[in-house]
Amino acid sequence: MPFVNLSDHYIMHMYESIRDQVRADARSGIVLMGEPAKARAEELHREIERRGLYCLLIEWPEENSKTC
């Protein structure tokens, strides 16, 4: 488990950091947070659930946005 030595706070912080960047992408119309970030967010969300913590799912932008 890659997250075993990380605190709950840090796991939540990493997830929220991805959420913040996805929101910034949505505002700009340019998607910088692609599939690797989505996969990482999914891993983090599974760990958050495993620990019995709660967070809202990240709302990813539509696929028709411009990507870099």
PDB file of N, CA and C in Angstrom:
ATOM      1  N   MET A   1       0.838  -1.190   0.000  1.00  0.00           N
ATOM      2  CA  MET A   1       0.000   0.000   0.000  1.00  0.00           C
ATOM      3  C   MET A   1       0.877   1.245   0.000  1.00  0.00           C
ATOM      4  N   PRO A   2       0.730   2.061  -1.015  1.00  0.00           N
ATOM      5  CA  PRO A   2       1.601   3.234  -1.117  1.00  0.00           C
ATOM      6  C   PRO A   2       1.277   4.335  -0.121  1.00  0.00           C
ATOM      7  N   PHE A   3       0.125   4.281   0.541  1.00  0.00           N
ATOM      8  CA  PHE A   3      -0.292   5.359   1.424  1.00  0.00           C
ATOM      9  C   PHE A   3      -0.179   5.021   2.900  1.00  0.00           C
ATOM     10  N   VAL A   4       0.351   3.861   3.229  1.00  0.00           N
ATOM     11  CA  VAL A   4       0.310   3.357   4.603  1.00  0.00           C
ATOM     12  C   VAL A   4       1.000   4.292   5.606  1.00  0.00           C
ATOM     13  N   ASN A   5       2.060   4.972   5.209  1.00  0.00           N
ATOM     14  CA  ASN A   5       2.797   5.827   6.139  1.00  0.00           C
ATOM     15  C   ASN A   5       2.353   7.288   6.109  1.00  0.00           C
ATOM     16  N   LEU A   6       1.281   7.585   5.367  1.00  0.00           N
ATOM     17  CA  LEU A   6       0.817   8.961   5.254  1.00  0.00           C
ATOM     18  C   LEU A   6      -0.367   9.200   6.184  1.00  0.00           C
ATOM     19  N   SER A   7      -0.432  10.402   6.727  1.00  0.00           N
ATOM     20  CA  SER A   7      -1.522  10.747   7.641  1.00  0.00           C
ATOM     21  C   SER A   7      -2.827  10.952   6.877  1.00  0.00           C
ATOM     22  N   ASP A   8      -3.921  10.840   7.608  1.00  0.00           N
ATOM     23  CA  ASP A   8      -5.232  11.115   7.019  1.00  0.00           C
ATOM     24  C   ASP A   8      -5.254  12.516   6.425  1.00  0.00           C
ATOM     25  N   HIS A   9      -4.713  13.449   7.165  1.00  0.00           N
ATOM     26  CA  HIS A   9      -4.697  14.843   6.726  1.00  0.00           C
ATOM     27  C   HIS A   9      -3.971  14.985   5.387  1.00  0.00           C
ATOM     28  N   TYR A  10      -2.836  14.340   5.244  1.00  0.00           N
ATOM     29  CA  TYR A  10      -2.054  14.457   4.017  1.00  0.00           C
ATOM     30  C   TYR A  10      -2.770  13.800   2.842  1.00  0.00           C
ATOM     31  N   ILE A  11      -3.405  12.653   3.069  1.00  0.00           N
ATOM     32  CA  ILE A  11      -4.163  11.977   2.012  1.00  0.00           C
ATOM     33  C   ILE A  11      -5.283  12.899   1.528  1.00  0.00           C
ATOM     34  N   MET A  12      -6.004  13.495   2.461  1.00  0.00           N
ATOM     35  CA  MET A  12      -7.083  14.414   2.101  1.00  0.00           C
ATOM     36  C   MET A  12      -6.540  15.637   1.363  1.00  0.00           C
ATOM     37  N   HIS A  13      -5.399  16.134   1.819  1.00  0.00           N
ATOM     38  CA  HIS A  13      -4.782  17.296   1.179  1.00  0.00           C
ATOM     39  C   HIS A  13      -4.408  16.983  -0.272  1.00  0.00           C
ATOM     40  N   MET A  14      -3.833  15.822  -0.517  1.00  0.00           N
ATOM     41  CA  MET A  14      -3.471  15.442  -1.893  1.00  0.00           C
ATOM     42  C   MET A  14      -4.707  15.368  -2.775  1.00  0.00           C
ATOM     43  N   TYR A  15      -5.773  14.772  -2.261  1.00  0.00           N
ATOM     44  CA  TYR A  15      -7.012  14.651  -3.032  1.00  0.00           C
ATOM     45  C   TYR A  15      -7.596  16.033  -3.325  1.00  0.00           C
ATOM     46  N   GLU A  16      -7.630  16.887  -2.326  1.00  0.00           N
ATOM     47  CA  GLU A  16      -8.175  18.236  -2.516  1.00  0.00           C
ATOM     48  C   GLU A  16      -7.315  19.068  -3.454  1.00  0.00           C
ATOM     49  N   SER A  17      -6.016  18.822  -3.478  1.00  0.00           N
ATOM     50  CA  SER A  17      -5.134  19.530  -4.412  1.00  0.00           C
ATOM     51  C   SER A  17      -5.472  19.172  -5.857  1.00  0.00           C
ATOM     52  N   ILE A  18      -5.757  17.902  -6.094  1.00  0.00           N
ATOM     53  CA  ILE A  18      -6.179  17.490  -7.434  1.00  0.00           C
ATOM     54  C   ILE A  18      -7.505  18.155  -7.779  1.00  0.00           C
ATOM     55  N   ARG A  19      -8.443  18.172  -6.821  1.00  0.00           N
ATOM     56  CA  ARG A  19      -9.739  18.820  -7.050  1.00  0.00           C
ATOM     57  C   ARG A  19      -9.553  20.294  -7.428  1.00  0.00           C
ATOM     58  N   ASP A  20      -8.682  20.994  -6.704  1.00  0.00           N
ATOM     59  CA  ASP A  20      -8.436  22.414  -6.988  1.00  0.00           C
ATOM     60  C   ASP A  20      -7.904  22.611  -8.401  1.00  0.00           C
ATOM     61  N   GLN A  21      -7.001  21.754  -8.838  1.00  0.00           N
ATOM     62  CA  GLN A  21      -6.444  21.887 -10.176  1.00  0.00           C
ATOM     63  C   GLN A  21      -7.485  21.561 -11.247  1.00  0.00           C
ATOM     64  N   VAL A  22      -8.320  20.568 -10.991  1.00  0.00           N
ATOM     65  CA  VAL A  22      -9.388  20.220 -11.939  1.00  0.00           C
ATOM     66  C   VAL A  22     -10.347  21.401 -12.078  1.00  0.00           C
ATOM     67  N   ARG A  23     -10.670  22.058 -10.977  1.00  0.00           N
ATOM     68  CA  ARG A  23     -11.536  23.246 -11.032  1.00  0.00           C
ATOM     69  C   ARG A  23     -10.871  24.360 -11.840  1.00  0.00           C
ATOM     70  N   ALA A  24      -9.575  24.553 -11.639  1.00  0.00           N
ATOM     71  CA  ALA A  24      -8.849  25.573 -12.397  1.00  0.00           C
ATOM     72  C   ALA A  24      -8.868  25.238 -13.888  1.00  0.00           C
ATOM     73  N   ASP A  25      -8.698  23.968 -14.220  1.00  0.00           N
ATOM     74  CA  ASP A  25      -8.778  23.535 -15.613  1.00  0.00           C
ATOM     75  C   ASP A  25     -10.160  23.862 -16.191  1.00  0.00           C
ATOM     76  N   ALA A  26     -11.201  23.571 -15.436  1.00  0.00           N
ATOM     77  CA  ALA A  26     -12.570  23.807 -15.909  1.00  0.00           C
ATOM     78  C   ALA A  26     -12.796  25.295 -16.180  1.00  0.00           C
ATOM     79  N   ARG A  27     -12.262  26.140 -15.316  1.00  0.00           N
ATOM     80  CA  ARG A  27     -12.416  27.587 -15.516  1.00  0.00           C
ATOM     81  C   ARG A  27     -11.665  28.065 -16.751  1.00  0.00           C
ATOM     82  N   SER A  28     -10.486  27.498 -16.994  1.00  0.00           N
ATOM     83  CA  SER A  28      -9.665  27.960 -18.111  1.00  0.00           C
ATOM     84  C   SER A  28     -10.071  27.338 -19.438  1.00  0.00           C
ATOM     85  N   GLY A  29     -10.731  26.186 -19.386  1.00  0.00           N
ATOM     86  CA  GLY A  29     -11.110  25.490 -20.612  1.00  0.00           C
ATOM     87  C   GLY A  29      -9.996  24.645 -21.190  1.00  0.00           C
ATOM     88  N   ILE A  30      -8.861  24.607 -20.526  1.00  0.00           N
ATOM     89  CA  ILE A  30      -7.717  23.800 -20.954  1.00  0.00           C
ATOM     90  C   ILE A  30      -7.473  22.734 -19.899  1.00  0.00           C
ATOM     91  N   VAL A  31      -7.458  21.484 -20.313  1.00  0.00           N
ATOM     92  CA  VAL A  31      -7.310  20.382 -19.364  1.00  0.00           C
ATOM     93  C   VAL A  31      -5.837  20.006 -19.230  1.00  0.00           C
ATOM     94  N   LEU A  32      -5.292  20.273 -18.073  1.00  0.00           N
ATOM     95  CA  LEU A  32      -3.916  19.868 -17.765  1.00  0.00           C
ATOM     96  C   LEU A  32      -3.906  18.592 -16.924  1.00  0.00           C
ATOM     97  N   MET A  33      -4.985  18.370 -16.202  1.00  0.00           N
ATOM     98  CA  MET A  33      -5.099  17.208 -15.317  1.00  0.00           C
ATOM     99  C   MET A  33      -5.766  16.075 -16.100  1.00  0.00           C
ATOM    100  N   GLY A  34      -4.960  15.238 -16.718  1.00  0.00           N
ATOM    101  CA  GLY A  34      -5.470  14.170 -17.561  1.00  0.00           C
ATOM    102  C   GLY A  34      -5.625  12.848 -16.843  1.00  0.00           C
ATOM    103  N   GLU A  35      -5.482  11.784 -17.601  1.00  0.00           N
ATOM    104  CA  GLU A  35      -5.705  10.433 -17.091  1.00  0.00           C
ATOM    105  C   GLU A  35      -4.792  10.048 -15.918  1.00  0.00           C
ATOM    106  N   PRO A  36      -3.498  10.407 -15.923  1.00  0.00           N
ATOM    107  CA  PRO A  36      -2.671  10.051 -14.760  1.00  0.00           C
ATOM    108  C   PRO A  36      -3.194  10.675 -13.457  1.00  0.00           C
ATOM    109  N   ALA A  37      -3.643  11.915 -13.534  1.00  0.00           N
ATOM    110  CA  ALA A  37      -4.197  12.571 -12.337  1.00  0.00           C
ATOM    111  C   ALA A  37      -5.514  11.926 -11.930  1.00  0.00           C
ATOM    112  N   LYS A  38      -6.308  11.539 -12.912  1.00  0.00           N
ATOM    113  CA  LYS A  38      -7.585  10.881 -12.613  1.00  0.00           C
ATOM    114  C   LYS A  38      -7.338   9.541 -11.921  1.00  0.00           C
ATOM    115  N   ALA A  39      -6.347   8.794 -12.408  1.00  0.00           N
ATOM    116  CA  ALA A  39      -6.008   7.505 -11.786  1.00  0.00           C
ATOM    117  C   ALA A  39      -5.512   7.712 -10.360  1.00  0.00           C
ATOM    118  N   ARG A  40      -4.686   8.723 -10.152  1.00  0.00           N
ATOM    119  CA  ARG A  40      -4.168   9.014  -8.815  1.00  0.00           C
ATOM    120  C   ARG A  40      -5.307   9.409  -7.872  1.00  0.00           C
ATOM    121  N   ALA A  41      -6.224  10.234  -8.376  1.00  0.00           N
ATOM    122  CA  ALA A  41      -7.369  10.645  -7.564  1.00  0.00           C
ATOM    123  C   ALA A  41      -8.214   9.435  -7.175  1.00  0.00           C
ATOM    124  N   GLU A  42      -8.378   8.495  -8.086  1.00  0.00           N
ATOM    125  CA  GLU A  42      -9.139   7.282  -7.777  1.00  0.00           C
ATOM    126  C   GLU A  42      -8.444   6.456  -6.697  1.00  0.00           C
ATOM    127  N   GLU A  43      -7.119   6.348  -6.779  1.00  0.00           N
ATOM    128  CA  GLU A  43      -6.359   5.638  -5.736  1.00  0.00           C
ATOM    129  C   GLU A  43      -6.542   6.319  -4.386  1.00  0.00           C
ATOM    130  N   LEU A  44      -6.426   7.632  -4.393  1.00  0.00           N
ATOM    131  CA  LEU A  44      -6.586   8.389  -3.148  1.00  0.00           C
ATOM    132  C   LEU A  44      -8.001   8.227  -2.589  1.00  0.00           C
ATOM    133  N   HIS A  45      -8.996   8.274  -3.464  1.00  0.00           N
ATOM    134  CA  HIS A  45     -10.373   8.135  -2.999  1.00  0.00           C
ATOM    135  C   HIS A  45     -10.606   6.757  -2.385  1.00  0.00           C
ATOM    136  N   ARG A  46     -10.053   5.725  -2.990  1.00  0.00           N
ATOM    137  CA  ARG A  46     -10.178   4.375  -2.405  1.00  0.00           C
ATOM    138  C   ARG A  46      -9.540   4.335  -1.017  1.00  0.00           C
ATOM    139  N   GLU A  47      -8.383   4.983  -0.869  1.00  0.00           N
ATOM    140  CA  GLU A  47      -7.709   5.009   0.436  1.00  0.00           C
ATOM    141  C   GLU A  47      -8.520   5.811   1.452  1.00  0.00           C
ATOM    142  N   ILE A  48      -9.107   6.915   1.012  1.00  0.00           N
ATOM    143  CA  ILE A  48      -9.947   7.724   1.891  1.00  0.00           C
ATOM    144  C   ILE A  48     -11.111   6.880   2.395  1.00  0.00           C
ATOM    145  N   GLU A  49     -11.762   6.155   1.501  1.00  0.00           N
ATOM    146  CA  GLU A  49     -12.874   5.282   1.901  1.00  0.00           C
ATOM    147  C   GLU A  49     -12.395   4.154   2.810  1.00  0.00           C
ATOM    148  N   ARG A  50     -11.242   3.567   2.490  1.00  0.00           N
ATOM    149  CA  ARG A  50     -10.705   2.482   3.309  1.00  0.00           C
ATOM    150  C   ARG A  50     -10.476   2.934   4.741  1.00  0.00           C
ATOM    151  N   ARG A  51     -10.055   4.178   4.896  1.00  0.00           N
ATOM    152  CA  ARG A  51      -9.788   4.724   6.233  1.00  0.00           C
ATOM    153  C   ARG A  51     -11.058   5.197   6.937  1.00  0.00           C
ATOM    154  N   GLY A  52     -12.177   5.119   6.270  1.00  0.00           N
ATOM    155  CA  GLY A  52     -13.430   5.546   6.870  1.00  0.00           C
ATOM    156  C   GLY A  52     -13.607   7.056   6.877  1.00  0.00           C
ATOM    157  N   LEU A  53     -12.882   7.741   6.019  1.00  0.00           N
ATOM    158  CA  LEU A  53     -13.000   9.190   5.901  1.00  0.00           C
ATOM    159  C   LEU A  53     -14.031   9.511   4.829  1.00  0.00           C
ATOM    160  N   TYR A  54     -14.362  10.771   4.693  1.00  0.00           N
ATOM    161  CA  TYR A  54     -15.370  11.175   3.727  1.00  0.00           C
ATOM    162  C   TYR A  54     -14.884  12.364   2.915  1.00  0.00           C
ATOM    163  N   CYS A  55     -15.149  12.320   1.621  1.00  0.00           N
ATOM    164  CA  CYS A  55     -14.931  13.467   0.748  1.00  0.00           C
ATOM    165  C   CYS A  55     -15.856  13.322  -0.450  1.00  0.00           C
ATOM    166  N   LEU A  56     -16.156  14.423  -1.078  1.00  0.00           N
ATOM    167  CA  LEU A  56     -16.959  14.403  -2.291  1.00  0.00           C
ATOM    168  C   LEU A  56     -16.082  13.977  -3.466  1.00  0.00           C
ATOM    169  N   LEU A  57     -16.698  13.300  -4.425  1.00  0.00           N
ATOM    170  CA  LEU A  57     -15.967  12.914  -5.624  1.00  0.00           C
ATOM    171  C   LEU A  57     -15.596  14.150  -6.426  1.00  0.00           C
ATOM    172  N   ILE A  58     -14.492  14.075  -7.124  1.00  0.00           N
ATOM    173  CA  ILE A  58     -14.053  15.156  -8.003  1.00  0.00           C
ATOM    174  C   ILE A  58     -14.920  15.138  -9.246  1.00  0.00           C
ATOM    175  N   GLU A  59     -15.399  16.308  -9.649  1.00  0.00           N
ATOM    176  CA  GLU A  59     -16.163  16.443 -10.882  1.00  0.00           C
ATOM    177  C   GLU A  59     -15.184  16.772 -12.008  1.00  0.00           C
ATOM    178  N   TRP A  60     -14.957  15.799 -12.868  1.00  0.00           N
ATOM    179  CA  TRP A  60     -14.022  15.963 -13.975  1.00  0.00           C
ATOM    180  C   TRP A  60     -14.703  16.673 -15.133  1.00  0.00           C
ATOM    181  N   PRO A  61     -13.959  17.534 -15.856  1.00  0.00           N
ATOM    182  CA  PRO A  61     -14.560  18.262 -16.975  1.00  0.00           C
ATOM    183  C   PRO A  61     -14.933  17.317 -18.116  1.00  0.00           C
ATOM    184  N   GLU A  62     -15.765  17.828 -18.987  1.00  0.00           N
ATOM    185  CA  GLU A  62     -16.189  17.054 -20.157  1.00  0.00           C
ATOM    186  C   GLU A  62     -14.990  16.724 -21.040  1.00  0.00           C
ATOM    187  N   GLU A  63     -15.112  15.658 -21.778  1.00  0.00           N
ATOM    188  CA  GLU A  63     -14.030  15.197 -22.645  1.00  0.00           C
ATOM    189  C   GLU A  63     -13.781  16.125 -23.826  1.00  0.00           C
ATOM    190  N   ASN A  64     -14.717  17.003 -24.155  1.00  0.00           N
ATOM    191  CA  ASN A  64     -14.551  17.849 -25.322  1.00  0.00           C
ATOM    192  C   ASN A  64     -13.740  19.110 -25.046  1.00  0.00           C
ATOM    193  N   SER A  65     -13.195  19.244 -23.846  1.00  0.00           N
ATOM    194  CA  SER A  65     -12.344  20.397 -23.539  1.00  0.00           C
ATOM    195  C   SER A  65     -11.014  20.261 -24.253  1.00  0.00           C
ATOM    196  N   LYS A  66     -10.381  21.386 -24.475  1.00  0.00           N
ATOM    197  CA  LYS A  66      -9.071  21.410 -25.125  1.00  0.00           C
ATOM    198  C   LYS A  66      -8.025  20.844 -24.167  1.00  0.00           C
ATOM    199  N   THR A  67      -7.169  19.945 -24.626  1.00  0.00           N
ATOM    200  CA  THR A  67      -6.120  19.360 -23.782  1.00  0.00           C
ATOM    201  C   THR A  67      -4.749  19.836 -24.217  1.00  0.00           C
ATOM    202  N   CYS A  68      -3.837  19.817 -23.279  1.00  0.00           N
ATOM    203  CA  CYS A  68      -2.439  20.185 -23.560  1.00  0.00           C
ATOM    204  C   CYS A  68      -1.564  18.955 -23.441  1.00  0.00           C
TER     205      CYS A  68
END
